[in-house]
Amino acid sequence: LSSGINAEYGGARYYSYLWSRSIANLIFYNLFYEDPFNEEAGRRLKEFLRRGSSVNYQRSVEQLVGYEFGLEEMVGALVEPVRAFSRGYLDHQDISDQWW
């Protein structure tokens, strides 16, 4: 699998994409999931983005989401949305006559 990722996506670029997506999911689910139009969360995100790369990004994200995170939280932020979608989607599908 890893050799296929390296060949097709350029290795480090693909993992950087996953890291970025994980951080985006952490931010979304901690700030906007329950209320996508929350003004206070929007102000906090705007301030976070304004600082850019001038500060330690992990500490900055931790301040934004309100807790310290590590590898498990990062992986969870990638996996949980897929699980949630799969559960909801599959619960409403009639798969009784599928080939498997």
C-alpha atoms as a PDB file:
ATOM      1  CA  LEU A   1       0.000   0.000   0.000  1.00  0.00           C
ATOM      2  CA  SER A   2       2.669   2.527   0.929  1.00  0.00           C
ATOM      3  CA  SER A   3       4.541   2.010  -2.348  1.00  0.00           C
ATOM      4  CA  GLY A   4       1.310   2.722  -4.232  1.00  0.00           C
ATOM      5  CA  ILE A   5       0.768   5.899  -2.220  1.00  0.00           C
ATOM      6  CA  ASN A   6       4.345   7.017  -2.888  1.00  0.00           C
ATOM      7  CA  ALA A   7       4.028   6.363  -6.610  1.00  0.00           C
ATOM      8  CA  GLU A   8       0.606   7.923  -7.133  1.00  0.00           C
ATOM      9  CA  TYR A   9       0.481  10.782  -4.625  1.00  0.00           C
ATOM     10  CA  GLY A  10       4.102  11.636  -4.000  1.00  0.00           C
ATOM     11  CA  GLY A  11       4.386  10.210  -0.479  1.00  0.00           C
ATOM     12  CA  ALA A  12       4.931  13.206   1.768  1.00  0.00           C
ATOM     13  CA  ARG A  13       2.359  15.302  -0.078  1.00  0.00           C
ATOM     14  CA  TYR A  14      -0.313  12.682   0.569  1.00  0.00           C
ATOM     15  CA  TYR A  15       0.512  12.449   4.267  1.00  0.00           C
ATOM     16  CA  SER A  16       0.537  16.258   4.504  1.00  0.00           C
ATOM     17  CA  TYR A  17      -2.931  16.204   2.952  1.00  0.00           C
ATOM     18  CA  LEU A  18      -4.136  13.697   5.570  1.00  0.00           C
ATOM     19  CA  TRP A  19      -2.611  15.768   8.385  1.00  0.00           C
ATOM     20  CA  SER A  20      -4.314  18.920   7.081  1.00  0.00           C
ATOM     21  CA  ARG A  21      -7.637  17.154   6.684  1.00  0.00           C
ATOM     22  CA  SER A  22      -7.402  15.781  10.199  1.00  0.00           C
ATOM     23  CA  ILE A  23      -6.782  19.265  11.630  1.00  0.00           C
ATOM     24  CA  ALA A  24      -9.671  20.663   9.583  1.00  0.00           C
ATOM     25  CA  ASN A  25     -11.960  17.933  10.969  1.00  0.00           C
ATOM     26  CA  LEU A  26     -10.809  18.642  14.536  1.00  0.00           C
ATOM     27  CA  ILE A  27     -11.641  22.304  14.065  1.00  0.00           C
ATOM     28  CA  PHE A  28     -14.996  21.667  12.395  1.00  0.00           C
ATOM     29  CA  TYR A  29     -16.267  19.117  14.913  1.00  0.00           C
ATOM     30  CA  ASN A  30     -15.101  21.122  17.924  1.00  0.00           C
ATOM     31  CA  LEU A  31     -16.239  24.563  16.774  1.00  0.00           C
ATOM     32  CA  PHE A  32     -18.937  24.292  14.115  1.00  0.00           C
ATOM     33  CA  TYR A  33     -20.599  20.859  14.170  1.00  0.00           C
ATOM     34  CA  GLU A  34     -23.470  21.810  16.467  1.00  0.00           C
ATOM     35  CA  ASP A  35     -23.839  25.376  15.146  1.00  0.00           C
ATOM     36  CA  PRO A  36     -22.157  26.092  11.799  1.00  0.00           C
ATOM     37  CA  PHE A  37     -23.007  29.810  12.088  1.00  0.00           C
ATOM     38  CA  ASN A  38     -21.647  30.339  15.608  1.00  0.00           C
ATOM     39  CA  GLU A  39     -20.218  33.856  15.570  1.00  0.00           C
ATOM     40  CA  GLU A  40     -17.841  33.334  18.504  1.00  0.00           C
ATOM     41  CA  ALA A  41     -16.394  30.207  16.865  1.00  0.00           C
ATOM     42  CA  GLY A  42     -16.041  32.168  13.639  1.00  0.00           C
ATOM     43  CA  ARG A  43     -14.126  34.928  15.410  1.00  0.00           C
ATOM     44  CA  ARG A  44     -11.844  32.360  17.041  1.00  0.00           C
ATOM     45  CA  LEU A  45     -11.171  30.710  13.673  1.00  0.00           C
ATOM     46  CA  LYS A  46     -10.500  34.085  12.052  1.00  0.00           C
ATOM     47  CA  GLU A  47      -7.928  34.914  14.739  1.00  0.00           C
ATOM     48  CA  PHE A  48      -6.360  31.454  14.330  1.00  0.00           C
ATOM     49  CA  LEU A  49      -6.047  31.946  10.570  1.00  0.00           C
ATOM     50  CA  ARG A  50      -4.730  35.498  10.981  1.00  0.00           C
ATOM     51  CA  ARG A  51      -1.709  34.228  12.939  1.00  0.00           C
ATOM     52  CA  GLY A  52      -0.823  31.814  10.151  1.00  0.00           C
ATOM     53  CA  SER A  53       2.487  30.039  10.489  1.00  0.00           C
ATOM     54  CA  SER A  54       3.992  32.722  12.722  1.00  0.00           C
ATOM     55  CA  VAL A  55       3.261  30.587  15.825  1.00  0.00           C
ATOM     56  CA  ASN A  56       3.577  26.926  16.784  1.00  0.00           C
ATOM     57  CA  TYR A  57       0.695  25.380  14.839  1.00  0.00           C
ATOM     58  CA  GLN A  58      -0.006  22.520  17.255  1.00  0.00           C
ATOM     59  CA  ARG A  59      -0.304  24.831  20.252  1.00  0.00           C
ATOM     60  CA  SER A  60      -2.389  27.186  18.166  1.00  0.00           C
ATOM     61  CA  VAL A  61      -4.788  24.397  17.110  1.00  0.00           C
ATOM     62  CA  GLU A  62      -4.933  23.126  20.696  1.00  0.00           C
ATOM     63  CA  GLN A  63      -5.930  26.607  21.888  1.00  0.00           C
ATOM     64  CA  LEU A  64      -8.563  26.794  19.159  1.00  0.00           C
ATOM     65  CA  VAL A  65     -10.186  23.403  19.842  1.00  0.00           C
ATOM     66  CA  GLY A  66      -9.708  23.603  23.603  1.00  0.00           C
ATOM     67  CA  TYR A  67      -7.620  20.521  24.340  1.00  0.00           C
ATOM     68  CA  GLU A  68      -4.271  18.878  23.647  1.00  0.00           C
ATOM     69  CA  PHE A  69      -4.328  16.313  20.879  1.00  0.00           C
ATOM     70  CA  GLY A  70      -2.027  13.570  19.724  1.00  0.00           C
ATOM     71  CA  LEU A  71      -1.866  10.861  17.113  1.00  0.00           C
ATOM     72  CA  GLU A  72      -4.981   9.035  18.339  1.00  0.00           C
ATOM     73  CA  GLU A  73      -7.101  12.182  18.086  1.00  0.00           C
ATOM     74  CA  MET A  74      -5.683  12.948  14.657  1.00  0.00           C
ATOM     75  CA  VAL A  75      -6.532   9.478  13.343  1.00  0.00           C
ATOM     76  CA  GLY A  76      -9.942   9.633  15.016  1.00  0.00           C
ATOM     77  CA  ALA A  77     -10.642  12.936  13.288  1.00  0.00           C
ATOM     78  CA  LEU A  78     -10.108  11.186   9.945  1.00  0.00           C
ATOM     79  CA  VAL A  79     -11.953   7.962  10.726  1.00  0.00           C
ATOM     80  CA  GLU A  80     -15.010   9.066  12.700  1.00  0.00           C
ATOM     81  CA  PRO A  81     -16.672  11.122   9.928  1.00  0.00           C
ATOM     82  CA  VAL A  82     -16.374   8.118   7.597  1.00  0.00           C
ATOM     83  CA  ARG A  83     -17.858   5.808  10.225  1.00  0.00           C
ATOM     84  CA  ALA A  84     -20.701   8.221  10.945  1.00  0.00           C
ATOM     85  CA  PHE A  85     -21.531   8.550   7.246  1.00  0.00           C
ATOM     86  CA  SER A  86     -21.289   4.806   6.663  1.00  0.00           C
ATOM     87  CA  ARG A  87     -23.610   4.001   9.570  1.00  0.00           C
ATOM     88  CA  GLY A  88     -26.218   6.533   8.529  1.00  0.00           C
ATOM     89  CA  TYR A  89     -26.000   5.654   4.856  1.00  0.00           C
ATOM     90  CA  LEU A  90     -26.042   1.890   5.286  1.00  0.00           C
ATOM     91  CA  ASP A  91     -28.912   2.041   7.780  1.00  0.00           C
ATOM     92  CA  HIS A  92     -31.144   3.354   4.988  1.00  0.00           C
ATOM     93  CA  GLN A  93     -30.073   1.014   2.193  1.00  0.00           C
ATOM     94  CA  ASP A  94     -31.903  -2.129   1.131  1.00  0.00           C
ATOM     95  CA  ILE A  95     -29.024  -4.528   0.532  1.00  0.00           C
ATOM     96  CA  SER A  96     -31.045  -7.728   0.721  1.00  0.00           C
ATOM     97  CA  ASP A  97     -30.697  -8.468  -3.005  1.00  0.00           C
ATOM     98  CA  GLN A  98     -27.079  -7.383  -3.456  1.00  0.00           C
ATOM     99  CA  TRP A  99     -24.578  -9.789  -4.994  1.00  0.00           C
ATOM    100  CA  TRP A 100     -22.614 -10.326  -1.804  1.00  0.00           C
END
